[in-house]
All heavy atoms as atom14 arrays in JSON, in Angstrom:
{
  "sequence": "KEEIMVYFLISYFEFLLFEKTGYRNDNHMVYLKEETNIDANRIVQIRK",
  "atom14_mask": [
    [1, 1, 1, 1, 1, 1, 1, 1, 1, 0, 0, 0, 0, 0],
    [1, 1, 1, 1, 1, 1, 1, 1, 1, 0, 0, 0, 0, 0],
    [1, 1, 1, 1, 1, 1, 1, 1, 1, 0, 0, 0, 0, 0],
    [1, 1, 1, 1, 1, 1, 1, 1, 0, 0, 0, 0, 0, 0],
    [1, 1, 1, 1, 1, 1, 1, 1, 0, 0, 0, 0, 0, 0],
    [1, 1, 1, 1, 1, 1, 1, 0, 0, 0, 0, 0, 0, 0],
    [1, 1, 1, 1, 1, 1, 1, 1, 1, 1, 1, 1, 0, 0],
    [1, 1, 1, 1, 1, 1, 1, 1, 1, 1, 1, 0, 0, 0],
    [1, 1, 1, 1, 1, 1, 1, 1, 0, 0, 0, 0, 0, 0],
    [1, 1, 1, 1, 1, 1, 1, 1, 0, 0, 0, 0, 0, 0],
    [1, 1, 1, 1, 1, 1, 0, 0, 0, 0, 0, 0, 0, 0],
    [1, 1, 1, 1, 1, 1, 1, 1, 1, 1, 1, 1, 0, 0],
    [1, 1, 1, 1, 1, 1, 1, 1, 1, 1, 1, 0, 0, 0],
    [1, 1, 1, 1, 1, 1, 1, 1, 1, 0, 0, 0, 0, 0],
    [1, 1, 1, 1, 1, 1, 1, 1, 1, 1, 1, 0, 0, 0],
    [1, 1, 1, 1, 1, 1, 1, 1, 0, 0, 0, 0, 0, 0],
    [1, 1, 1, 1, 1, 1, 1, 1, 0, 0, 0, 0, 0, 0],
    [1, 1, 1, 1, 1, 1, 1, 1, 1, 1, 1, 0, 0, 0],
    [1, 1, 1, 1, 1, 1, 1, 1, 1, 0, 0, 0, 0, 0],
    [1, 1, 1, 1, 1, 1, 1, 1, 1, 0, 0, 0, 0, 0],
    [1, 1, 1, 1, 1, 1, 1, 0, 0, 0, 0, 0, 0, 0],
    [1, 1, 1, 1, 0, 0, 0, 0, 0, 0, 0, 0, 0, 0],
    [1, 1, 1, 1, 1, 1, 1, 1, 1, 1, 1, 1, 0, 0],
    [1, 1, 1, 1, 1, 1, 1, 1, 1, 1, 1, 0, 0, 0],
    [1, 1, 1, 1, 1, 1, 1, 1, 0, 0, 0, 0, 0, 0],
    [1, 1, 1, 1, 1, 1, 1, 1, 0, 0, 0, 0, 0, 0],
    [1, 1, 1, 1, 1, 1, 1, 1, 0, 0, 0, 0, 0, 0],
    [1, 1, 1, 1, 1, 1, 1, 1, 1, 1, 0, 0, 0, 0],
    [1, 1, 1, 1, 1, 1, 1, 1, 0, 0, 0, 0, 0, 0],
    [1, 1, 1, 1, 1, 1, 1, 0, 0, 0, 0, 0, 0, 0],
    [1, 1, 1, 1, 1, 1, 1, 1, 1, 1, 1, 1, 0, 0],
    [1, 1, 1, 1, 1, 1, 1, 1, 0, 0, 0, 0, 0, 0],
    [1, 1, 1, 1, 1, 1, 1, 1, 1, 0, 0, 0, 0, 0],
    [1, 1, 1, 1, 1, 1, 1, 1, 1, 0, 0, 0, 0, 0],
    [1, 1, 1, 1, 1, 1, 1, 1, 1, 0, 0, 0, 0, 0],
    [1, 1, 1, 1, 1, 1, 1, 0, 0, 0, 0, 0, 0, 0],
    [1, 1, 1, 1, 1, 1, 1, 1, 0, 0, 0, 0, 0, 0],
    [1, 1, 1, 1, 1, 1, 1, 1, 0, 0, 0, 0, 0, 0],
    [1, 1, 1, 1, 1, 1, 1, 1, 0, 0, 0, 0, 0, 0],
    [1, 1, 1, 1, 1, 0, 0, 0, 0, 0, 0, 0, 0, 0],
    [1, 1, 1, 1, 1, 1, 1, 1, 0, 0, 0, 0, 0, 0],
    [1, 1, 1, 1, 1, 1, 1, 1, 1, 1, 1, 0, 0, 0],
    [1, 1, 1, 1, 1, 1, 1, 1, 0, 0, 0, 0, 0, 0],
    [1, 1, 1, 1, 1, 1, 1, 0, 0, 0, 0, 0, 0, 0],
    [1, 1, 1, 1, 1, 1, 1, 1, 1, 0, 0, 0, 0, 0],
    [1, 1, 1, 1, 1, 1, 1, 1, 0, 0, 0, 0, 0, 0],
    [1, 1, 1, 1, 1, 1, 1, 1, 1, 1, 1, 0, 0, 0],
    [1, 1, 1, 1, 1, 1, 1, 1, 1, 0, 0, 0, 0, 0]
  ],
  "atom14_positions": [
    [[185.76, 184.45, 195.1], [184.31, 184.6, 195.22], [183.96, 185.81, 196.1], [182.99, 186.52, 195.83], [183.68, 183.34, 195.8], [183.57, 182.19, 194.81], [182.75, 181.05, 195.4], [182.57, 179.91, 194.4], [181.76, 178.8, 194.94], [0.0, 0.0, 0.0], [0.0, 0.0, 0.0], [0.0, 0.0, 0.0], [0.0, 0.0, 0.0], [0.0, 0.0, 0.0]],
    [[184.75, 186.02, 197.13], [184.5, 187.16, 198.02], [184.67, 188.47, 197.27], [183.86, 189.39, 197.42], [185.43, 187.11, 199.23], [185.19, 188.25, 200.22], [186.09, 188.16, 201.43], [185.97, 187.14, 202.16], [186.91, 189.08, 201.65], [0.0, 0.0, 0.0], [0.0, 0.0, 0.0], [0.0, 0.0, 0.0], [0.0, 0.0, 0.0], [0.0, 0.0, 0.0]],
    [[185.71, 188.59, 196.46], [185.94, 189.82, 195.69], [184.82, 190.06, 194.69], [184.38, 191.21, 194.49], [187.29, 189.75, 194.97], [188.49, 189.83, 195.89], [189.79, 189.56, 195.16], [189.83, 188.64, 194.31], [190.78, 190.25, 195.45], [0.0, 0.0, 0.0], [0.0, 0.0, 0.0], [0.0, 0.0, 0.0], [0.0, 0.0, 0.0], [0.0, 0.0, 0.0]],
    [[184.35, 189.0, 194.05], [183.24, 189.14, 193.1], [181.98, 189.56, 193.83], [181.24, 190.45, 193.39], [183.02, 187.81, 192.34], [184.24, 187.47, 191.5], [181.78, 187.9, 191.45], [184.19, 186.1, 190.86], [0.0, 0.0, 0.0], [0.0, 0.0, 0.0], [0.0, 0.0, 0.0], [0.0, 0.0, 0.0], [0.0, 0.0, 0.0], [0.0, 0.0, 0.0]],
    [[181.73, 188.96, 194.97], [180.56, 189.31, 195.78], [180.59, 190.78, 196.17], [179.57, 191.49, 196.06], [180.51, 188.42, 197.02], [179.34, 188.71, 197.93], [179.44, 187.79, 199.5], [180.72, 188.74, 200.35], [0.0, 0.0, 0.0], [0.0, 0.0, 0.0], [0.0, 0.0, 0.0], [0.0, 0.0, 0.0], [0.0, 0.0, 0.0], [0.0, 0.0, 0.0]],
    [[181.73, 191.26, 196.61], [181.87, 192.67, 197.01], [181.62, 193.6, 195.84], [180.94, 194.63, 195.97], [183.27, 192.91, 197.62], [183.55, 194.41, 197.75], [183.38, 192.23, 198.98], [0.0, 0.0, 0.0], [0.0, 0.0, 0.0], [0.0, 0.0, 0.0], [0.0, 0.0, 0.0], [0.0, 0.0, 0.0], [0.0, 0.0, 0.0], [0.0, 0.0, 0.0]],
    [[182.12, 193.24, 194.66], [181.92, 194.06, 193.46], [180.43, 194.25, 193.18], [179.96, 195.37, 192.94], [182.6, 193.41, 192.27], [182.27, 194.05, 190.94], [182.94, 195.2, 190.52], [181.29, 193.51, 190.1], [182.63, 195.79, 189.29], [180.98, 194.1, 188.89], [181.66, 195.24, 188.48], [181.35, 195.83, 187.28], [0.0, 0.0, 0.0], [0.0, 0.0, 0.0]],
    [[179.67, 193.17, 193.22], [178.24, 193.27, 192.92], [177.46, 193.92, 194.05], [176.52, 194.68, 193.81], [177.67, 191.88, 192.59], [178.07, 191.4, 191.23], [179.03, 190.42, 191.08], [177.51, 191.96, 190.09], [179.42, 190.0, 189.81], [177.89, 191.55, 188.83], [178.85, 190.56, 188.69], [0.0, 0.0, 0.0], [0.0, 0.0, 0.0], [0.0, 0.0, 0.0]],
    [[177.87, 193.67, 195.27], [177.22, 194.3, 196.41], [177.32, 195.82, 196.3], [176.33, 196.54, 196.43], [177.87, 193.8, 197.7], [177.16, 194.1, 199.02], [175.81, 193.39, 199.08], [178.04, 193.66, 200.19], [0.0, 0.0, 0.0], [0.0, 0.0, 0.0], [0.0, 0.0, 0.0], [0.0, 0.0, 0.0], [0.0, 0.0, 0.0], [0.0, 0.0, 0.0]],
    [[178.52, 196.31, 196.05], [178.72, 197.76, 195.92], [177.98, 198.29, 194.7], [177.37, 199.37, 194.75], [180.23, 198.08, 195.85], [180.89, 197.82, 197.21], [180.46, 199.54, 195.43], [182.39, 197.95, 197.22], [0.0, 0.0, 0.0], [0.0, 0.0, 0.0], [0.0, 0.0, 0.0], [0.0, 0.0, 0.0], [0.0, 0.0, 0.0], [0.0, 0.0, 0.0]],
    [[178.01, 197.56, 193.59], [177.31, 198.0, 192.38], [175.82, 198.16, 192.62], [175.19, 199.11, 192.14], [177.54, 197.0, 191.24], [178.91, 196.94, 190.87], [0.0, 0.0, 0.0], [0.0, 0.0, 0.0], [0.0, 0.0, 0.0], [0.0, 0.0, 0.0], [0.0, 0.0, 0.0], [0.0, 0.0, 0.0], [0.0, 0.0, 0.0], [0.0, 0.0, 0.0]],
    [[175.22, 197.25, 193.39], [173.79, 197.33, 193.7], [173.49, 198.55, 194.57], [172.51, 199.28, 194.33], [173.33, 196.05, 194.4], [172.84, 194.97, 193.47], [173.63, 194.51, 192.41], [171.6, 194.37, 193.63], [173.19, 193.52, 191.56], [171.15, 193.37, 192.79], [171.96, 192.96, 191.75], [171.52, 191.97, 190.9], [0.0, 0.0, 0.0], [0.0, 0.0, 0.0]],
    [[174.31, 198.76, 195.58], [174.11, 199.94, 196.44], [174.3, 201.23, 195.64], [173.53, 202.19, 195.81], [175.06, 199.9, 197.64], [174.54, 199.11, 198.81], [175.16, 197.93, 199.19], [173.43, 199.53, 199.52], [174.69, 197.19, 200.27], [172.94, 198.8, 200.6], [173.57, 197.63, 200.97], [0.0, 0.0, 0.0], [0.0, 0.0, 0.0], [0.0, 0.0, 0.0]],
    [[175.29, 201.26, 194.77], [175.51, 202.45, 193.96], [174.33, 202.71, 193.02], [173.93, 203.85, 192.81], [176.8, 202.32, 193.16], [178.06, 202.47, 194.01], [179.32, 202.39, 193.18], [179.31, 201.73, 192.12], [180.34, 202.98, 193.6], [0.0, 0.0, 0.0], [0.0, 0.0, 0.0], [0.0, 0.0, 0.0], [0.0, 0.0, 0.0], [0.0, 0.0, 0.0]],
    [[173.77, 201.65, 192.46], [172.63, 201.81, 191.57], [171.48, 202.51, 192.3], [170.87, 203.45, 191.78], [172.18, 200.45, 191.05], [171.05, 200.52, 190.06], [171.31, 200.69, 188.71], [169.73, 200.43, 190.47], [170.28, 200.77, 187.78], [168.68, 200.5, 189.56], [168.96, 200.68, 188.21], [0.0, 0.0, 0.0], [0.0, 0.0, 0.0], [0.0, 0.0, 0.0]],
    [[171.19, 202.07, 193.52], [170.11, 202.69, 194.3], [170.45, 204.13, 194.64], [169.58, 205.02, 194.57], [169.87, 201.89, 195.58], [169.33, 200.46, 195.41], [169.21, 199.77, 196.76], [167.99, 200.46, 194.7], [0.0, 0.0, 0.0], [0.0, 0.0, 0.0], [0.0, 0.0, 0.0], [0.0, 0.0, 0.0], [0.0, 0.0, 0.0], [0.0, 0.0, 0.0]],
    [[171.69, 204.38, 195.02], [172.11, 205.74, 195.36], [172.0, 206.67, 194.16], [171.5, 207.81, 194.27], [173.55, 205.73, 195.89], [174.16, 207.09, 196.23], [173.37, 207.79, 197.33], [175.63, 206.93, 196.63], [0.0, 0.0, 0.0], [0.0, 0.0, 0.0], [0.0, 0.0, 0.0], [0.0, 0.0, 0.0], [0.0, 0.0, 0.0], [0.0, 0.0, 0.0]],
    [[172.45, 206.2, 193.0], [172.42, 207.04, 191.8], [170.99, 207.29, 191.33], [170.67, 208.37, 190.83], [173.25, 206.41, 190.69], [174.72, 206.27, 191.02], [175.53, 205.4, 190.29], [175.29, 206.97, 192.06], [176.88, 205.26, 190.59], [176.64, 206.85, 192.38], [177.43, 205.98, 191.64], [0.0, 0.0, 0.0], [0.0, 0.0, 0.0], [0.0, 0.0, 0.0]],
    [[170.12, 206.3, 191.49], [168.71, 206.5, 191.15], [168.09, 207.57, 192.04], [167.27, 208.37, 191.58], [167.93, 205.19, 191.31], [168.16, 204.18, 190.21], [167.53, 204.61, 188.89], [166.3, 204.84, 188.86], [168.28, 204.74, 187.9], [0.0, 0.0, 0.0], [0.0, 0.0, 0.0], [0.0, 0.0, 0.0], [0.0, 0.0, 0.0], [0.0, 0.0, 0.0]],
    [[168.49, 207.61, 193.3], [167.91, 208.56, 194.25], [168.44, 209.97, 194.04], [167.71, 210.96, 194.24], [168.21, 208.1, 195.68], [167.48, 208.91, 196.75], [167.62, 208.28, 198.11], [166.75, 209.0, 199.14], [165.31, 208.89, 198.83], [0.0, 0.0, 0.0], [0.0, 0.0, 0.0], [0.0, 0.0, 0.0], [0.0, 0.0, 0.0], [0.0, 0.0, 0.0]],
    [[169.7, 210.1, 193.62], [170.33, 211.43, 193.54], [170.38, 212.0, 192.13], [170.72, 213.18, 191.96], [171.77, 211.35, 194.09], [172.52, 210.4, 193.32], [171.77, 210.94, 195.56], [0.0, 0.0, 0.0], [0.0, 0.0, 0.0], [0.0, 0.0, 0.0], [0.0, 0.0, 0.0], [0.0, 0.0, 0.0], [0.0, 0.0, 0.0], [0.0, 0.0, 0.0]],
    [[170.09, 211.2, 191.11], [170.15, 211.68, 189.74], [171.52, 211.6, 189.1], [171.72, 212.08, 187.98], [0.0, 0.0, 0.0], [0.0, 0.0, 0.0], [0.0, 0.0, 0.0], [0.0, 0.0, 0.0], [0.0, 0.0, 0.0], [0.0, 0.0, 0.0], [0.0, 0.0, 0.0], [0.0, 0.0, 0.0], [0.0, 0.0, 0.0], [0.0, 0.0, 0.0]],
    [[172.47, 210.98, 189.8], [173.81, 210.8, 189.23], [173.74, 209.8, 188.07], [172.89, 208.91, 188.06], [174.74, 210.28, 190.33], [176.21, 210.22, 189.96], [176.98, 211.38, 189.93], [176.82, 209.01, 189.67], [178.33, 211.32, 189.62], [178.17, 208.94, 189.35], [178.91, 210.11, 189.33], [180.25, 210.05, 189.01], [0.0, 0.0, 0.0], [0.0, 0.0, 0.0]],
    [[174.64, 209.97, 187.1], [174.64, 209.06, 185.94], [174.73, 207.6, 186.38], [175.63, 207.21, 187.1], [175.84, 209.4, 185.03], [175.83, 208.61, 183.72], [177.08, 208.89, 182.94], [178.24, 208.28, 183.55], [179.5, 208.55, 183.23], [179.76, 209.45, 182.32], [180.51, 207.93, 183.83], [0.0, 0.0, 0.0], [0.0, 0.0, 0.0], [0.0, 0.0, 0.0]],
    [[173.77, 206.82, 185.91], [173.65, 205.43, 186.39], [173.93, 204.47, 185.24], [173.02, 204.03, 184.55], [172.25, 205.2, 186.95], [172.25, 204.2, 188.09], [173.26, 203.55, 188.36], [171.12, 204.06, 188.76], [0.0, 0.0, 0.0], [0.0, 0.0, 0.0], [0.0, 0.0, 0.0], [0.0, 0.0, 0.0], [0.0, 0.0, 0.0], [0.0, 0.0, 0.0]],
    [[175.19, 204.13, 185.04], [175.56, 203.21, 183.97], [175.1, 201.79, 184.33], [175.13, 201.39, 185.5], [177.08, 203.2, 183.76], [177.59, 204.54, 183.23], [176.8, 205.24, 182.56], [178.75, 204.88, 183.48], [0.0, 0.0, 0.0], [0.0, 0.0, 0.0], [0.0, 0.0, 0.0], [0.0, 0.0, 0.0], [0.0, 0.0, 0.0], [0.0, 0.0, 0.0]],
    [[174.69, 201.06, 183.3], [174.26, 199.68, 183.49], [175.41, 198.76, 183.09], [175.68, 198.55, 181.91], [173.01, 199.38, 182.64], [172.24, 198.18, 183.14], [172.72, 197.42, 183.98], [171.04, 198.0, 182.62], [0.0, 0.0, 0.0], [0.0, 0.0, 0.0], [0.0, 0.0, 0.0], [0.0, 0.0, 0.0], [0.0, 0.0, 0.0], [0.0, 0.0, 0.0]],
    [[176.1, 198.21, 184.09], [177.31, 197.43, 183.83], [176.98, 196.14, 183.07], [175.94, 195.53, 183.26], [178.0, 197.06, 185.14], [178.34, 198.24, 185.99], [179.17, 199.25, 185.56], [177.94, 198.59, 187.24], [179.29, 200.16, 186.51], [178.55, 199.79, 187.54], [0.0, 0.0, 0.0], [0.0, 0.0, 0.0], [0.0, 0.0, 0.0], [0.0, 0.0, 0.0]],
    [[177.91, 195.73, 182.21], [177.79, 194.45, 181.52], [178.4, 193.34, 182.38], [179.37, 193.56, 183.11], [178.51, 194.49, 180.17], [177.85, 195.4, 179.14], [176.19, 194.88, 178.69], [176.54, 193.31, 177.86], [0.0, 0.0, 0.0], [0.0, 0.0, 0.0], [0.0, 0.0, 0.0], [0.0, 0.0, 0.0], [0.0, 0.0, 0.0], [0.0, 0.0, 0.0]],
    [[177.81, 192.15, 182.27], [178.32, 190.97, 182.96], [178.61, 189.92, 181.89], [177.75, 189.61, 181.06], [177.29, 190.42, 183.97], [177.83, 189.17, 184.65], [176.92, 191.49, 184.99], [0.0, 0.0, 0.0], [0.0, 0.0, 0.0], [0.0, 0.0, 0.0], [0.0, 0.0, 0.0], [0.0, 0.0, 0.0], [0.0, 0.0, 0.0], [0.0, 0.0, 0.0]],
    [[179.84, 189.37, 181.91], [180.26, 188.37, 180.92], [180.46, 187.03, 181.63], [181.12, 186.96, 182.68], [181.56, 188.8, 180.24], [181.43, 190.1, 179.5], [181.7, 191.31, 180.13], [181.01, 190.14, 178.17], [181.57, 192.52, 179.46], [180.88, 191.33, 177.49], [181.15, 192.51, 178.13], [181.01, 193.71, 177.47], [0.0, 0.0, 0.0], [0.0, 0.0, 0.0]],
    [[179.91, 185.98, 181.06], [180.07, 184.65, 181.63], [181.3, 183.97, 181.03], [181.77, 184.35, 179.96], [178.83, 183.8, 181.37], [177.48, 184.4, 181.79], [176.41, 183.31, 181.77], [177.55, 185.07, 183.14], [0.0, 0.0, 0.0], [0.0, 0.0, 0.0], [0.0, 0.0, 0.0], [0.0, 0.0, 0.0], [0.0, 0.0, 0.0], [0.0, 0.0, 0.0]],
    [[181.79, 182.97, 181.72], [182.91, 182.2, 181.21], [182.51, 181.52, 179.9], [181.35, 181.19, 179.69], [183.36, 181.18, 182.25], [183.97, 181.86, 183.49], [184.35, 180.85, 184.56], [184.95, 181.57, 185.77], [185.27, 180.65, 186.88], [0.0, 0.0, 0.0], [0.0, 0.0, 0.0], [0.0, 0.0, 0.0], [0.0, 0.0, 0.0], [0.0, 0.0, 0.0]],
    [[183.49, 181.31, 179.02], [183.24, 180.92, 177.63], [182.32, 179.72, 177.46], [181.47, 179.71, 176.59], [184.58, 180.65, 176.92], [185.4, 181.9, 176.65], [184.83, 182.77, 175.54], [183.89, 182.33, 174.86], [185.31, 183.89, 175.36], [0.0, 0.0, 0.0], [0.0, 0.0, 0.0], [0.0, 0.0, 0.0], [0.0, 0.0, 0.0], [0.0, 0.0, 0.0]],
    [[182.48, 178.7, 178.25], [181.72, 177.47, 178.03], [180.45, 177.39, 178.87], [179.79, 176.35, 178.9], [182.62, 176.26, 178.35], [183.94, 176.23, 177.58], [183.74, 176.3, 176.07], [182.76, 175.71, 175.57], [184.56, 176.96, 175.4], [0.0, 0.0, 0.0], [0.0, 0.0, 0.0], [0.0, 0.0, 0.0], [0.0, 0.0, 0.0], [0.0, 0.0, 0.0]],
    [[180.09, 178.47, 179.54], [178.91, 178.45, 180.41], [177.62, 178.51, 179.6], [177.48, 179.35, 178.7], [178.95, 179.64, 181.39], [180.13, 179.55, 182.2], [177.72, 179.63, 182.29], [0.0, 0.0, 0.0], [0.0, 0.0, 0.0], [0.0, 0.0, 0.0], [0.0, 0.0, 0.0], [0.0, 0.0, 0.0], [0.0, 0.0, 0.0], [0.0, 0.0, 0.0]],
    [[176.71, 177.62, 179.92], [175.35, 177.65, 179.37], [174.36, 177.82, 180.51], [174.64, 177.43, 181.65], [175.05, 176.35, 178.62], [175.97, 176.13, 177.44], [175.95, 176.88, 176.47], [176.82, 175.1, 177.53], [0.0, 0.0, 0.0], [0.0, 0.0, 0.0], [0.0, 0.0, 0.0], [0.0, 0.0, 0.0], [0.0, 0.0, 0.0], [0.0, 0.0, 0.0]],
    [[173.22, 178.41, 180.21], [172.2, 178.66, 181.23], [171.02, 177.74, 180.96], [170.34, 177.85, 179.94], [171.75, 180.13, 181.21], [172.92, 181.07, 181.49], [170.62, 180.35, 182.23], [173.59, 180.88, 182.84], [0.0, 0.0, 0.0], [0.0, 0.0, 0.0], [0.0, 0.0, 0.0], [0.0, 0.0, 0.0], [0.0, 0.0, 0.0], [0.0, 0.0, 0.0]],
    [[170.77, 176.81, 181.89], [169.64, 175.9, 181.74], [168.32, 176.67, 181.77], [168.22, 177.74, 182.38], [169.63, 174.88, 182.88], [170.83, 173.93, 182.82], [171.39, 173.78, 181.72], [171.19, 173.37, 183.87], [0.0, 0.0, 0.0], [0.0, 0.0, 0.0], [0.0, 0.0, 0.0], [0.0, 0.0, 0.0], [0.0, 0.0, 0.0], [0.0, 0.0, 0.0]],
    [[167.32, 176.09, 181.14], [166.01, 176.76, 181.05], [165.42, 177.06, 182.42], [164.74, 178.07, 182.59], [165.06, 175.88, 180.23], [0.0, 0.0, 0.0], [0.0, 0.0, 0.0], [0.0, 0.0, 0.0], [0.0, 0.0, 0.0], [0.0, 0.0, 0.0], [0.0, 0.0, 0.0], [0.0, 0.0, 0.0], [0.0, 0.0, 0.0], [0.0, 0.0, 0.0]],
    [[165.7, 176.2, 183.41], [165.11, 176.43, 184.74], [165.73, 177.6, 185.47], [165.27, 177.97, 186.56], [165.19, 175.15, 185.59], [166.62, 174.68, 185.82], [167.57, 175.4, 185.57], [166.75, 173.45, 186.28], [0.0, 0.0, 0.0], [0.0, 0.0, 0.0], [0.0, 0.0, 0.0], [0.0, 0.0, 0.0], [0.0, 0.0, 0.0], [0.0, 0.0, 0.0]],
    [[166.78, 178.2, 184.89], [167.38, 179.39, 185.51], [166.9, 180.69, 184.87], [167.32, 181.77, 185.25], [168.91, 179.31, 185.44], [169.49, 178.29, 186.4], [170.91, 178.65, 186.76], [171.88, 177.99, 185.91], [173.15, 178.37, 185.78], [173.58, 179.43, 186.41], [173.97, 177.71, 184.99], [0.0, 0.0, 0.0], [0.0, 0.0, 0.0], [0.0, 0.0, 0.0]],
    [[166.03, 180.59, 183.88], [165.45, 181.79, 183.3], [164.36, 182.31, 184.24], [163.41, 181.59, 184.56], [164.88, 181.51, 181.9], [166.04, 181.18, 180.94], [164.09, 182.71, 181.39], [165.6, 180.84, 179.54], [0.0, 0.0, 0.0], [0.0, 0.0, 0.0], [0.0, 0.0, 0.0], [0.0, 0.0, 0.0], [0.0, 0.0, 0.0], [0.0, 0.0, 0.0]],
    [[164.5, 183.54, 184.67], [163.57, 184.14, 185.63], [162.36, 184.72, 184.92], [161.22, 184.54, 185.36], [164.28, 185.24, 186.46], [163.31, 185.89, 187.43], [165.48, 184.66, 187.19], [0.0, 0.0, 0.0], [0.0, 0.0, 0.0], [0.0, 0.0, 0.0], [0.0, 0.0, 0.0], [0.0, 0.0, 0.0], [0.0, 0.0, 0.0], [0.0, 0.0, 0.0]],
    [[162.61, 185.43, 183.83], [161.51, 185.99, 183.06], [161.99, 186.4, 181.67], [163.19, 186.61, 181.46], [160.88, 187.2, 183.75], [161.76, 188.45, 183.76], [161.02, 189.69, 184.25], [160.05, 189.63, 184.98], [161.51, 190.85, 183.83], [0.0, 0.0, 0.0], [0.0, 0.0, 0.0], [0.0, 0.0, 0.0], [0.0, 0.0, 0.0], [0.0, 0.0, 0.0]],
    [[161.06, 186.5, 180.73], [161.32, 187.05, 179.41], [160.3, 188.17, 179.19], [159.09, 187.93, 179.24], [161.2, 186.0, 178.31], [162.24, 184.89, 178.52], [161.39, 186.63, 176.92], [162.18, 183.75, 177.52], [0.0, 0.0, 0.0], [0.0, 0.0, 0.0], [0.0, 0.0, 0.0], [0.0, 0.0, 0.0], [0.0, 0.0, 0.0], [0.0, 0.0, 0.0]],
    [[160.79, 189.37, 178.99], [159.91, 190.54, 178.86], [160.07, 191.17, 177.47], [161.18, 191.4, 177.02], [160.25, 191.58, 179.94], [159.45, 192.87, 179.85], [159.7, 193.75, 181.06], [161.06, 194.27, 181.12], [161.46, 195.41, 180.55], [160.62, 196.15, 179.84], [162.72, 195.82, 180.69], [0.0, 0.0, 0.0], [0.0, 0.0, 0.0], [0.0, 0.0, 0.0]],
    [[158.95, 191.45, 176.84], [158.99, 192.12, 175.54], [159.38, 193.58, 175.71], [158.93, 194.23, 176.66], [157.62, 192.04, 174.85], [157.19, 190.64, 174.47], [155.82, 190.65, 173.81], [155.36, 189.25, 173.46], [154.02, 189.25, 172.83], [0.0, 0.0, 0.0], [0.0, 0.0, 0.0], [0.0, 0.0, 0.0], [0.0, 0.0, 0.0], [0.0, 0.0, 0.0]]
  ]
}
């Protein structure tokens, strides 16, 4: 969990840095474990 946390922490900081400096800002994909489902109460928003 600590290694996963560090990965996302650095990715978030890099995103802000790249937005500020104009460096190429790739949008990383996140894959969930095969049997994971997301309950409706965990949906934050749906945007057109």
